[in-house]
Amino acid sequence: RILDLTHRQQFRFHQLPVKAYQILLGIHVEEAWRDLNATVTSFRQMRRDLVLGAPGSDMELKPVTNVCIARMMSKVFDTWYELEQACYAVARGDGSKVRDINLLSSRGHSDMEAPSHGLERFYEGQWESHGGGDAAGTAQPARDELHGGRAGGASTEMVSLAELRASLERLILGFPNMVPVQPTQALFRRILDVAAPAVDALASAVAEGAVARAQSRAGELLEVARALLRVYTGEGLQQEPSWPGQRVQLAMWQSVLAQKLAKEAVISVYNVATLGANMDATIRDFETAQSQLRDGGGDVPNGIVPERDDLLKQWERVNLAWSRFVASLQSLQEMEPALLDLLAELERAVPLYGVRDIESPDVTPWGFYIAYALLGLVLLCCSCAACYVARKASKKAQSQDCSQV
């Protein structure tokens, strides 16, 4: 049964180019476009189901717990992603990509052989786990994708939850040119056994309408994410001791603190006192981090050196955006643009903190890239909690208003 599914994936590597050729040659164009898009959707969904599992479905697929299989599947998707882009280019009339899709189709078919055998062994119980993988060489060029598409008509907190799950899935599955697959079995299992249940617990609380429990679960997820961030930083420092990982970690965490403060401001505005929002403590945490990033202290061994004028100027821009954000906390209308400005400045700051203060080879450890993806998880957690509290409080207020009529 599992081999039937993996063979279908191999078949799609050949099916996609055929549909692109049909469109290029003007043969049944409308139908070919539908088939092309359907093939892309089917491949992506099956790739997800083969790794994450599909409980309750006819296939009864179970989540893969072996990082080697996840890594093989990631390699397959890298090739598929290239093929997908090339086929769409051909379908839009770029005949120069025809040779590329022929090569990619054959490569993808071959790439799928290894995970097919791996999955077969996994379902036979012969390959439940594997030792640590090679951490070196897994780093890929990274960009932070914090916001996915928004489904029309979906509630804001449901959209945030969907984005939260998508961020978690990228940590498990990886994504081309963005997020590498976890480099070791231990880290892979930590995502499956710790982070994934924390996301599920938050989603369950939101679905049940338990406001206080949702707030509590969001806090627990933040702690899980922060612990993982420390692990990635530590692993990165082991690989590259000269990398300024401590200040990168702290700079990343400032984005989380900013979102956390926004969530607490929402709670304060709606007077949900039982949730125990502690804005003063969050403000102190952010400002302490800001001071340590400039002057050193805590886990950051050194402050900003005089030669790093670029970093100092960005620190000042963050500081100014932070002051404006704090001043806006009493008005939700003013707070949203101020938060977005602050997050944009913090996003610009993180890569600068990752640059060594002395001249040395430009080598960034893999931990940075996975940690950057993890940042998406915790930011979406904050966003989800804030949206949910605001929505529930607004409904309660409307209900009270109606009862007085």
Foldseek 3Di string as FASTA:
>chain_A
DLLVLLVVLLVLLVVLLVLLVCLLVVHPNVVSVVVNVVSVVVNVVSLLCQAPNDPPDPVRHHHALELVLLQLSLVLVLLVVVLSVLSVVSSVHPPVSSVVSVVSSVVSSVSSVVSSVVSVCVVVVNPRYDWFADQPPQAAQADFDQADDDDPPDAQLVRLLVSLVVLLSCQCNPDPRHAGHPRTSVLNVLSVPPLVVLSVQLVVCLVVLPLLSNLVSLVSNLVSLLVLLVVLLVVQCVVPVLFQSVLLSLLLVLLLLLLLLLLLLLCVLLVVCVSPRDNVVSVVSNVVSLVCQAANDDPRHGHDDPVPPVLVVLSVQLVVLVVQLVVCSNPPVSNVVSSVSNSVSSVVNSVVSRDGPDDDDPDGGSSSSSSSSSSSNSSSSSSSSSSSSNVVSVVVVVVVVVVVD
